[in-house]
Amino acid sequence: MGKKLTEEMIRDKTNIDDIEQVKDLNFWANDLEDVSILSRMPSIETISLSLNKISSLSFFRSCIKLEELFLRKNKIGSLKEIHYLKNLPCLKVLWLWDNPLSSHPHYRLYIVKVLPNLKKLDNAAVSDEERTAAKKLDLATLESEESEVAGEDTEENKRVNDSYMKSNFIKKEKIRKPPSGTSSGSHSRGLGKRSSLSQRNDNILTAVMALINELDKSSLDLIHKEIGKKISEM
């Protein structure tokens, strides 16, 4: 059972007594399920609630000044939930990757159709080609078919997800020739170790870059200090 976001938690986090004045809220990875208190926060502009247990977008429909919403790795399962956001005129950035609904083969186009003012979805800008394709979508048909694909790991879902991940996260590595005087076997083992280490670093960097967008200023300042300390020790 997830937790409920409370007024006391918000005050402690933001140091603002009147929660109606809060503009930036960051509670990622807090095991939150109920964030209904957002209906009492009309001034909120940026919300970071990734890595929680939120299953509905209905909590955000009253946030009329909302510009950026980060909800990666939650439990939002239905594409129909997107309609709760369609009356938010300022919303320009939305992160929903790693929610169950993101496995739908028409995930991006569906959201672009419902939210035509959106500028960025997950880590990719909405393209003119996507907007054109989205206009041709029949939402009623997709919604009626959604139950058939929800939770299924179909070949189409695999293809769409693999293509997305490759285009946005995976970097190709160049394989160098073994230096003179080095046996191909020993070089292959060395290359394998370097490739493994490089892939690990890439994976860590990808995770860090994804989370940076969801941190508030105080958190970013702390990270900046720690990075400076780490570099000075090298």
Protein backbone atom coordinates (compact mmCIF):
# COMPACT_ATOMS: atom_id res chain seq x y z
CA MET A 1 0.00 0.00 0.00
CA GLY A 2 1.44 3.35 -1.04
CA LYS A 3 1.50 6.50 1.05
CA LYS A 4 -0.58 9.67 0.83
CA LEU A 5 1.07 13.01 0.11
CA THR A 6 0.13 15.39 2.93
CA GLU A 7 0.22 19.12 3.57
CA GLU A 8 2.79 18.59 6.33
CA MET A 9 5.11 16.72 3.95
CA ILE A 10 4.88 19.53 1.41
CA ARG A 11 5.58 22.21 3.99
CA ASP A 12 8.60 20.32 5.32
CA LYS A 13 9.96 19.83 1.81
CA THR A 14 9.37 23.32 0.39
CA ASN A 15 9.59 25.49 3.55
CA ILE A 16 6.43 27.25 2.33
CA ASP A 17 3.54 27.49 4.83
CA ASP A 18 0.80 28.20 2.31
CA ILE A 19 0.79 25.25 -0.09
CA GLU A 20 -1.32 27.25 -2.55
CA GLN A 21 1.81 29.28 -3.28
CA VAL A 22 4.05 26.28 -4.06
CA LYS A 23 5.23 26.25 -7.69
CA ASP A 24 7.76 23.42 -7.69
CA LEU A 25 7.15 20.05 -6.06
CA ASN A 26 9.62 17.15 -5.97
CA PHE A 27 8.74 13.87 -4.24
CA TRP A 28 10.28 11.23 -6.48
CA ALA A 29 10.80 7.74 -5.02
CA ASN A 30 8.59 8.30 -1.96
CA ASP A 31 6.22 5.32 -2.33
CA LEU A 32 3.32 7.72 -2.97
CA GLU A 33 -0.04 6.48 -4.20
CA ASP A 34 -2.48 9.25 -3.26
CA VAL A 35 -1.54 12.78 -4.34
CA SER A 36 -5.06 14.23 -4.27
CA ILE A 37 -3.78 17.21 -2.29
CA LEU A 38 -2.61 18.64 -5.62
CA SER A 39 -6.19 19.84 -6.16
CA ARG A 40 -5.42 22.47 -3.51
CA MET A 41 -2.29 23.73 -5.26
CA PRO A 42 -3.42 26.01 -8.11
CA SER A 43 -0.02 27.71 -8.50
CA ILE A 44 1.99 24.54 -9.12
CA GLU A 45 4.09 24.69 -12.31
CA THR A 46 6.51 21.75 -12.05
CA ILE A 47 5.73 18.37 -10.48
CA SER A 48 8.30 15.58 -10.10
CA LEU A 49 6.76 12.35 -8.84
CA SER A 50 8.68 9.62 -10.65
CA LEU A 51 9.34 6.24 -9.00
CA ASN A 52 6.11 6.16 -6.99
CA LYS A 53 2.86 4.14 -7.11
CA ILE A 54 0.49 6.63 -8.75
CA SER A 55 -2.10 4.89 -10.92
CA SER A 56 -4.23 7.77 -12.19
CA LEU A 57 -3.71 11.17 -13.80
CA SER A 58 -6.96 12.49 -12.30
CA PHE A 59 -4.94 14.02 -9.45
CA PHE A 60 -3.46 16.60 -11.83
CA ARG A 61 -6.56 17.87 -13.67
CA SER A 62 -6.93 20.95 -11.40
CA CYS A 63 -3.32 22.10 -11.82
CA ILE A 64 -4.16 24.68 -14.46
CA LYS A 65 -0.73 26.35 -14.37
CA LEU A 66 1.19 23.10 -14.67
CA GLU A 67 4.01 23.27 -17.24
CA GLU A 68 6.12 20.17 -16.54
CA LEU A 69 4.99 16.81 -15.17
CA PHE A 70 7.46 13.99 -14.43
CA LEU A 71 5.84 10.63 -13.66
CA ARG A 72 8.32 8.04 -14.90
CA LYS A 73 8.04 4.59 -13.29
CA ASN A 74 4.57 4.77 -11.77
CA LYS A 75 1.51 2.56 -12.33
CA ILE A 76 -0.58 4.45 -14.87
CA GLY A 77 -2.08 1.75 -17.05
CA SER A 78 -4.68 3.19 -19.42
CA LEU A 79 -4.27 5.58 -22.32
CA LYS A 80 -7.64 7.07 -21.39
CA GLU A 81 -5.97 8.62 -18.33
CA ILE A 82 -4.34 11.16 -20.66
CA HIS A 83 -7.71 12.91 -21.05
CA TYR A 84 -7.39 14.20 -17.49
CA LEU A 85 -4.56 16.43 -18.74
CA LYS A 86 -6.20 17.87 -21.85
CA ASN A 87 -7.54 20.98 -20.06
CA LEU A 88 -4.10 22.04 -18.80
CA PRO A 89 -3.18 24.78 -21.30
CA CYS A 90 0.36 25.37 -20.00
CA LEU A 91 1.54 21.75 -20.02
CA LYS A 92 4.55 21.45 -22.34
CA VAL A 93 6.71 18.64 -20.88
CA LEU A 94 5.42 15.20 -19.89
CA TRP A 95 7.34 12.09 -18.77
CA LEU A 96 5.35 8.84 -18.58
CA TRP A 97 7.93 6.30 -19.76
CA ASP A 98 8.10 3.08 -17.73
CA ASN A 99 4.41 3.21 -16.85
CA PRO A 100 2.28 0.29 -18.09
CA LEU A 101 0.55 2.48 -20.70
CA SER A 102 3.90 3.19 -22.41
CA SER A 103 3.94 -0.36 -23.79
CA HIS A 104 1.07 0.46 -26.12
CA PRO A 105 2.29 0.58 -29.76
CA HIS A 106 0.59 3.95 -30.34
CA TYR A 107 1.58 5.41 -26.97
CA ARG A 108 3.32 8.54 -28.27
CA LEU A 109 0.89 9.32 -31.08
CA TYR A 110 -2.11 8.89 -28.79
CA ILE A 111 -0.70 11.39 -26.29
CA VAL A 112 0.23 13.88 -29.02
CA LYS A 113 -3.32 13.63 -30.37
CA VAL A 114 -4.93 14.31 -26.98
CA LEU A 115 -2.35 16.93 -25.94
CA PRO A 116 -1.55 18.91 -29.12
CA ASN A 117 0.26 21.68 -27.20
CA LEU A 118 2.83 19.27 -25.77
CA LYS A 119 6.43 20.12 -26.75
CA LYS A 120 8.30 17.17 -25.23
CA LEU A 121 7.21 13.65 -24.35
CA ASP A 122 9.67 11.66 -22.25
CA ASN A 123 13.19 12.48 -23.45
CA ALA A 124 12.22 13.32 -27.05
CA ALA A 125 10.73 16.48 -28.54
CA VAL A 126 7.41 16.04 -30.32
CA SER A 127 8.15 16.18 -34.05
CA ASP A 128 6.06 17.62 -36.87
CA GLU A 129 5.86 14.12 -38.34
CA GLU A 130 4.35 12.81 -35.10
CA ARG A 131 1.79 15.60 -35.05
CA THR A 132 0.77 14.81 -38.62
CA ALA A 133 0.48 11.08 -37.90
CA ALA A 134 -1.41 11.71 -34.66
CA LYS A 135 -4.13 13.62 -36.49
CA LYS A 136 -5.00 10.45 -38.39
CA LEU A 137 -5.51 8.34 -35.27
CA ASP A 138 -8.97 7.09 -34.36
CA LEU A 139 -8.96 7.43 -30.57
CA ALA A 140 -12.22 5.55 -30.09
CA THR A 141 -10.84 2.50 -31.90
CA LEU A 142 -7.57 2.57 -29.98
CA GLU A 143 -9.38 2.86 -26.66
CA SER A 144 -11.68 -0.05 -27.47
CA GLU A 145 -8.69 -2.19 -28.44
CA GLU A 146 -6.57 -1.13 -25.46
CA SER A 147 -7.71 -3.95 -23.18
CA GLU A 148 -6.42 -6.45 -25.72
CA VAL A 149 -2.87 -5.10 -25.64
CA ALA A 150 -2.60 -3.84 -22.06
CA GLY A 151 -0.01 -5.84 -20.19
CA GLU A 152 0.83 -8.02 -23.20
CA ASP A 153 4.43 -8.25 -24.37
CA THR A 154 3.54 -8.50 -28.06
CA GLU A 155 6.04 -8.53 -30.90
CA GLU A 156 4.79 -5.08 -31.95
CA ASN A 157 5.34 -3.69 -28.47
CA LYS A 158 8.83 -5.16 -28.42
CA ARG A 159 9.62 -3.60 -31.78
CA VAL A 160 8.34 -0.14 -30.78
CA ASN A 161 10.06 -0.18 -27.39
CA ASP A 162 13.34 -1.50 -28.78
CA SER A 163 13.34 1.16 -31.50
CA TYR A 164 12.66 3.89 -28.96
CA MET A 165 15.37 2.75 -26.60
CA LYS A 166 17.95 2.40 -29.36
CA SER A 167 17.25 5.85 -30.78
CA ASN A 168 17.40 7.61 -27.41
CA PHE A 169 19.64 5.70 -25.04
CA ILE A 170 22.08 3.29 -26.70
CA LYS A 171 25.41 4.55 -28.01
CA LYS A 172 27.32 2.55 -30.58
CA GLU A 173 30.90 1.71 -29.70
CA LYS A 174 33.75 1.57 -32.20
CA ILE A 175 35.84 -1.60 -32.05
CA ARG A 176 39.53 -0.84 -32.31
CA LYS A 177 42.12 -3.12 -33.90
CA PRO A 178 44.48 -4.90 -31.49
CA PRO A 179 47.79 -3.05 -31.03
CA SER A 180 50.89 -4.56 -32.59
CA GLY A 181 52.50 -7.28 -30.46
CA THR A 182 49.26 -8.12 -28.69
CA SER A 183 47.57 -11.46 -29.26
CA SER A 184 44.02 -11.37 -30.55
CA GLY A 185 42.87 -13.49 -27.61
CA SER A 186 44.24 -11.21 -24.91
CA HIS A 187 43.04 -8.16 -26.80
CA SER A 188 39.54 -9.62 -27.09
CA ARG A 189 39.43 -10.22 -23.35
CA GLY A 190 40.66 -6.70 -22.68
CA LEU A 191 38.20 -5.24 -25.15
CA GLY A 192 35.39 -7.21 -23.56
CA LYS A 193 36.23 -5.77 -20.15
CA ARG A 194 36.43 -2.23 -21.53
CA SER A 195 33.17 -2.67 -23.44
CA SER A 196 31.45 -4.00 -20.32
CA LEU A 197 32.76 -1.10 -18.25
CA SER A 198 31.80 1.40 -20.95
CA GLN A 199 28.27 -0.03 -21.17
CA ARG A 200 27.95 0.13 -17.38
CA ASN A 201 29.04 3.77 -17.40
CA ASP A 202 26.60 4.55 -20.21
CA ASN A 203 23.75 2.94 -18.27
CA ILE A 204 24.59 4.92 -15.13
CA LEU A 205 24.91 8.16 -17.10
CA THR A 206 21.55 7.55 -18.78
CA ALA A 207 19.86 7.07 -15.40
CA VAL A 208 21.52 10.19 -13.96
CA MET A 209 20.56 12.38 -16.93
CA ALA A 210 16.96 11.17 -16.77
CA LEU A 211 16.70 12.05 -13.08
CA ILE A 212 18.37 15.47 -13.34
CA ASN A 213 15.25 16.88 -15.00
CA GLU A 214 13.26 15.90 -11.94
CA LEU A 215 15.41 17.52 -9.25
CA ASP A 216 14.77 20.87 -7.61
CA LYS A 217 17.40 23.61 -7.25
CA SER A 218 18.57 22.56 -3.77
CA SER A 219 19.10 18.98 -4.96
CA LEU A 220 21.00 20.15 -8.04
CA ASP A 221 23.21 22.40 -5.88
CA LEU A 222 24.07 19.40 -3.69
CA ILE A 223 24.94 17.28 -6.73
CA HIS A 224 27.11 20.12 -8.10
CA LYS A 225 29.10 20.24 -4.86
CA GLU A 226 29.56 16.47 -4.77
CA ILE A 227 30.75 16.41 -8.40
CA GLY A 228 33.28 19.17 -7.65
CA LYS A 229 34.55 17.22 -4.65
CA LYS A 230 34.85 14.02 -6.68
CA ILE A 231 36.78 15.73 -9.48
CA SER A 232 39.19 17.36 -7.01
CA GLU A 233 40.00 13.92 -5.56
CA MET A 234 40.96 12.46 -8.93
